[in-house]
Amino acid sequence: MPYKFVGNGEVLVGRKCPDFININGQKIAIEVFYRKHKEQFRGGFINWLEERYKIFHSYGWEIKFFDETQVNEKEILKRIG
């Protein structure tokens, strides 16, 4: 799959660090998260999700989110092929 791990701070988009980015020239970022943690994060899960979406889109990036229940081969291949 044409994605690279950059969750170590290698790539920042509007001061946000995605977990993975597409390496074939498409501006697609992937965020992987643990839902329970994000529910306790700065105003809740929905606020976190909306904030990330707005920031990445303002820089021309598409962003895909995967929670802990979606991190499996079948789901990942279905969504990012």
N, C-alpha and C. Protein backbone atom coordinates (compact mmCIF):
# COMPACT_ATOMS: atom_id res chain seq x y z
N MET A 1 0.85 -1.17 0.00
CA MET A 1 0.00 0.00 0.00
C MET A 1 0.89 1.23 0.00
N PRO A 2 0.49 2.26 -0.72
CA PRO A 2 1.36 3.44 -0.87
C PRO A 2 1.24 4.44 0.28
N TYR A 3 1.47 3.98 1.49
CA TYR A 3 1.39 4.86 2.65
C TYR A 3 2.63 4.66 3.52
N LYS A 4 3.03 5.75 4.16
CA LYS A 4 4.22 5.73 5.01
C LYS A 4 3.86 6.24 6.39
N PHE A 5 4.41 5.61 7.43
CA PHE A 5 4.21 6.08 8.79
C PHE A 5 5.00 7.37 8.99
N VAL A 6 4.33 8.42 9.45
CA VAL A 6 4.97 9.69 9.74
C VAL A 6 4.52 10.23 11.10
N GLY A 7 3.93 9.36 11.91
CA GLY A 7 3.41 9.75 13.21
C GLY A 7 4.48 10.13 14.22
N ASN A 8 5.73 10.08 13.80
CA ASN A 8 6.85 10.47 14.66
C ASN A 8 7.16 11.96 14.54
N GLY A 9 6.32 12.70 13.81
CA GLY A 9 6.55 14.14 13.64
C GLY A 9 7.26 14.49 12.36
N GLU A 10 7.53 13.51 11.53
CA GLU A 10 8.24 13.74 10.27
C GLU A 10 7.48 14.70 9.35
N VAL A 11 6.15 14.65 9.37
CA VAL A 11 5.32 15.50 8.52
C VAL A 11 4.29 16.20 9.41
N LEU A 12 4.17 17.50 9.21
CA LEU A 12 3.15 18.28 9.92
C LEU A 12 2.24 18.95 8.90
N VAL A 13 0.97 18.95 9.18
CA VAL A 13 -0.02 19.65 8.36
C VAL A 13 -0.73 20.62 9.30
N GLY A 14 -0.43 21.88 9.14
CA GLY A 14 -1.04 22.87 10.04
C GLY A 14 -0.77 22.58 11.50
N ARG A 15 0.45 22.23 11.83
CA ARG A 15 0.89 21.90 13.18
C ARG A 15 0.26 20.62 13.74
N LYS A 16 -0.32 19.81 12.86
CA LYS A 16 -0.88 18.51 13.25
C LYS A 16 -0.07 17.42 12.57
N CYS A 17 0.15 16.35 13.28
CA CYS A 17 0.97 15.24 12.79
C CYS A 17 0.09 14.04 12.46
N PRO A 18 -0.10 13.75 11.17
CA PRO A 18 -0.88 12.56 10.82
C PRO A 18 -0.09 11.30 11.15
N ASP A 19 -0.77 10.17 11.21
CA ASP A 19 -0.09 8.90 11.47
C ASP A 19 0.56 8.35 10.20
N PHE A 20 -0.16 8.45 9.08
CA PHE A 20 0.34 7.95 7.80
C PHE A 20 -0.01 8.96 6.71
N ILE A 21 0.82 8.99 5.63
CA ILE A 21 0.49 9.80 4.46
C ILE A 21 0.70 8.95 3.21
N ASN A 22 -0.02 9.32 2.16
CA ASN A 22 0.14 8.67 0.86
C ASN A 22 1.48 9.09 0.28
N ILE A 23 2.20 8.17 -0.34
CA ILE A 23 3.51 8.48 -0.92
C ILE A 23 3.49 8.45 -2.45
N ASN A 24 2.32 8.41 -3.05
CA ASN A 24 2.19 8.44 -4.51
C ASN A 24 1.77 9.80 -5.02
N GLY A 25 1.99 10.84 -4.23
CA GLY A 25 1.68 12.19 -4.67
C GLY A 25 0.29 12.69 -4.33
N GLN A 26 -0.56 11.83 -3.81
CA GLN A 26 -1.89 12.26 -3.40
C GLN A 26 -1.81 12.80 -1.98
N LYS A 27 -2.55 13.85 -1.71
CA LYS A 27 -2.56 14.44 -0.37
C LYS A 27 -3.64 13.75 0.46
N ILE A 28 -3.31 12.53 0.90
CA ILE A 28 -4.21 11.74 1.73
C ILE A 28 -3.48 11.40 3.02
N ALA A 29 -4.09 11.75 4.14
CA ALA A 29 -3.53 11.44 5.45
C ALA A 29 -4.44 10.45 6.15
N ILE A 30 -3.85 9.65 7.02
CA ILE A 30 -4.60 8.67 7.80
C ILE A 30 -4.32 8.91 9.28
N GLU A 31 -5.39 8.94 10.05
CA GLU A 31 -5.30 9.03 11.50
C GLU A 31 -5.84 7.74 12.11
N VAL A 32 -5.08 7.14 13.00
CA VAL A 32 -5.50 5.94 13.72
C VAL A 32 -5.61 6.34 15.19
N PHE A 33 -6.71 5.99 15.82
CA PHE A 33 -6.91 6.47 17.19
C PHE A 33 -7.70 5.47 18.02
N TYR A 34 -7.59 5.66 19.31
CA TYR A 34 -8.34 4.89 20.30
C TYR A 34 -9.50 5.77 20.75
N ARG A 35 -10.71 5.38 20.41
CA ARG A 35 -11.90 6.23 20.61
C ARG A 35 -12.05 6.69 22.06
N LYS A 36 -11.85 5.80 23.03
CA LYS A 36 -12.04 6.17 24.44
C LYS A 36 -11.11 7.32 24.83
N HIS A 37 -9.88 7.28 24.35
CA HIS A 37 -8.93 8.37 24.63
C HIS A 37 -9.43 9.68 24.04
N LYS A 38 -9.89 9.65 22.80
CA LYS A 38 -10.34 10.88 22.14
C LYS A 38 -11.62 11.42 22.76
N GLU A 39 -12.44 10.57 23.36
CA GLU A 39 -13.65 11.05 24.03
C GLU A 39 -13.30 11.91 25.24
N GLN A 40 -12.11 11.72 25.79
CA GLN A 40 -11.67 12.49 26.95
C GLN A 40 -10.76 13.64 26.54
N PHE A 41 -10.62 13.88 25.26
CA PHE A 41 -9.63 14.80 24.71
C PHE A 41 -10.27 16.13 24.31
N ARG A 42 -9.91 17.20 24.94
CA ARG A 42 -10.29 18.56 24.56
C ARG A 42 -11.70 18.71 23.99
N GLY A 43 -12.68 18.48 24.77
CA GLY A 43 -14.04 18.71 24.32
C GLY A 43 -14.71 17.52 23.66
N GLY A 44 -14.05 16.39 23.66
CA GLY A 44 -14.68 15.18 23.16
C GLY A 44 -14.27 14.76 21.77
N PHE A 45 -14.69 13.58 21.44
CA PHE A 45 -14.33 12.93 20.18
C PHE A 45 -14.79 13.72 18.96
N ILE A 46 -16.04 14.15 18.95
CA ILE A 46 -16.58 14.87 17.79
C ILE A 46 -15.81 16.16 17.54
N ASN A 47 -15.50 16.90 18.59
CA ASN A 47 -14.71 18.13 18.43
C ASN A 47 -13.33 17.83 17.87
N TRP A 48 -12.68 16.79 18.37
CA TRP A 48 -11.36 16.41 17.87
C TRP A 48 -11.43 16.06 16.39
N LEU A 49 -12.42 15.25 16.03
CA LEU A 49 -12.59 14.81 14.64
C LEU A 49 -12.85 16.01 13.72
N GLU A 50 -13.75 16.89 14.10
CA GLU A 50 -14.07 18.06 13.28
C GLU A 50 -12.88 18.99 13.13
N GLU A 51 -12.13 19.19 14.22
CA GLU A 51 -10.95 20.06 14.17
C GLU A 51 -9.92 19.50 13.20
N ARG A 52 -9.63 18.22 13.31
CA ARG A 52 -8.65 17.60 12.40
C ARG A 52 -9.11 17.71 10.95
N TYR A 53 -10.38 17.41 10.72
CA TYR A 53 -10.93 17.47 9.37
C TYR A 53 -10.75 18.87 8.78
N LYS A 54 -11.12 19.91 9.52
CA LYS A 54 -11.02 21.29 9.05
C LYS A 54 -9.58 21.67 8.74
N ILE A 55 -8.69 21.34 9.65
CA ILE A 55 -7.29 21.72 9.46
C ILE A 55 -6.70 21.04 8.23
N PHE A 56 -6.86 19.74 8.12
CA PHE A 56 -6.28 19.03 6.98
C PHE A 56 -6.90 19.51 5.66
N HIS A 57 -8.19 19.70 5.64
CA HIS A 57 -8.85 20.15 4.41
C HIS A 57 -8.44 21.58 4.04
N SER A 58 -8.16 22.42 5.01
CA SER A 58 -7.74 23.79 4.70
C SER A 58 -6.38 23.81 4.00
N TYR A 59 -5.61 22.74 4.13
CA TYR A 59 -4.33 22.61 3.44
C TYR A 59 -4.43 21.71 2.21
N GLY A 60 -5.64 21.35 1.83
CA GLY A 60 -5.84 20.56 0.63
C GLY A 60 -5.67 19.06 0.80
N TRP A 61 -5.71 18.59 2.04
CA TRP A 61 -5.54 17.17 2.33
C TRP A 61 -6.89 16.49 2.54
N GLU A 62 -6.98 15.26 2.05
CA GLU A 62 -8.09 14.38 2.41
C GLU A 62 -7.62 13.62 3.64
N ILE A 63 -8.50 13.38 4.58
CA ILE A 63 -8.10 12.64 5.79
C ILE A 63 -9.06 11.49 6.03
N LYS A 64 -8.49 10.36 6.38
CA LYS A 64 -9.28 9.17 6.69
C LYS A 64 -8.99 8.78 8.13
N PHE A 65 -10.04 8.43 8.84
CA PHE A 65 -9.92 8.09 10.26
C PHE A 65 -10.22 6.61 10.47
N PHE A 66 -9.41 5.97 11.31
CA PHE A 66 -9.63 4.58 11.70
C PHE A 66 -9.56 4.50 13.21
N ASP A 67 -10.62 3.97 13.84
CA ASP A 67 -10.53 3.74 15.28
C ASP A 67 -10.07 2.30 15.52
N GLU A 68 -9.94 1.96 16.78
CA GLU A 68 -9.37 0.65 17.13
C GLU A 68 -10.17 -0.53 16.59
N THR A 69 -11.45 -0.34 16.32
CA THR A 69 -12.27 -1.44 15.80
C THR A 69 -12.11 -1.61 14.30
N GLN A 70 -11.51 -0.63 13.64
CA GLN A 70 -11.38 -0.66 12.18
C GLN A 70 -9.97 -1.01 11.71
N VAL A 71 -9.07 -1.24 12.64
CA VAL A 71 -7.69 -1.55 12.26
C VAL A 71 -7.56 -3.05 12.06
N ASN A 72 -8.01 -3.46 10.88
CA ASN A 72 -7.87 -4.84 10.45
C ASN A 72 -7.74 -4.83 8.93
N GLU A 73 -7.14 -5.85 8.40
CA GLU A 73 -6.80 -5.87 6.98
C GLU A 73 -8.02 -5.65 6.08
N LYS A 74 -9.11 -6.31 6.38
CA LYS A 74 -10.31 -6.21 5.54
C LYS A 74 -10.83 -4.77 5.49
N GLU A 75 -10.96 -4.14 6.63
CA GLU A 75 -11.48 -2.77 6.69
C GLU A 75 -10.54 -1.78 6.02
N ILE A 76 -9.25 -1.93 6.26
CA ILE A 76 -8.28 -1.01 5.67
C ILE A 76 -8.27 -1.13 4.16
N LEU A 77 -8.23 -2.35 3.65
CA LEU A 77 -8.24 -2.54 2.19
C LEU A 77 -9.52 -2.01 1.57
N LYS A 78 -10.63 -2.16 2.25
CA LYS A 78 -11.91 -1.67 1.74
C LYS A 78 -11.90 -0.14 1.61
N ARG A 79 -11.28 0.53 2.57
CA ARG A 79 -11.34 2.00 2.60
C ARG A 79 -10.21 2.70 1.88
N ILE A 80 -9.03 2.08 1.81
CA ILE A 80 -7.92 2.77 1.13
C ILE A 80 -7.28 1.93 0.04
N GLY A 81 -7.74 0.69 -0.09
CA GLY A 81 -7.34 -0.22 -1.14
C GLY A 81 -5.90 -0.34 -1.38
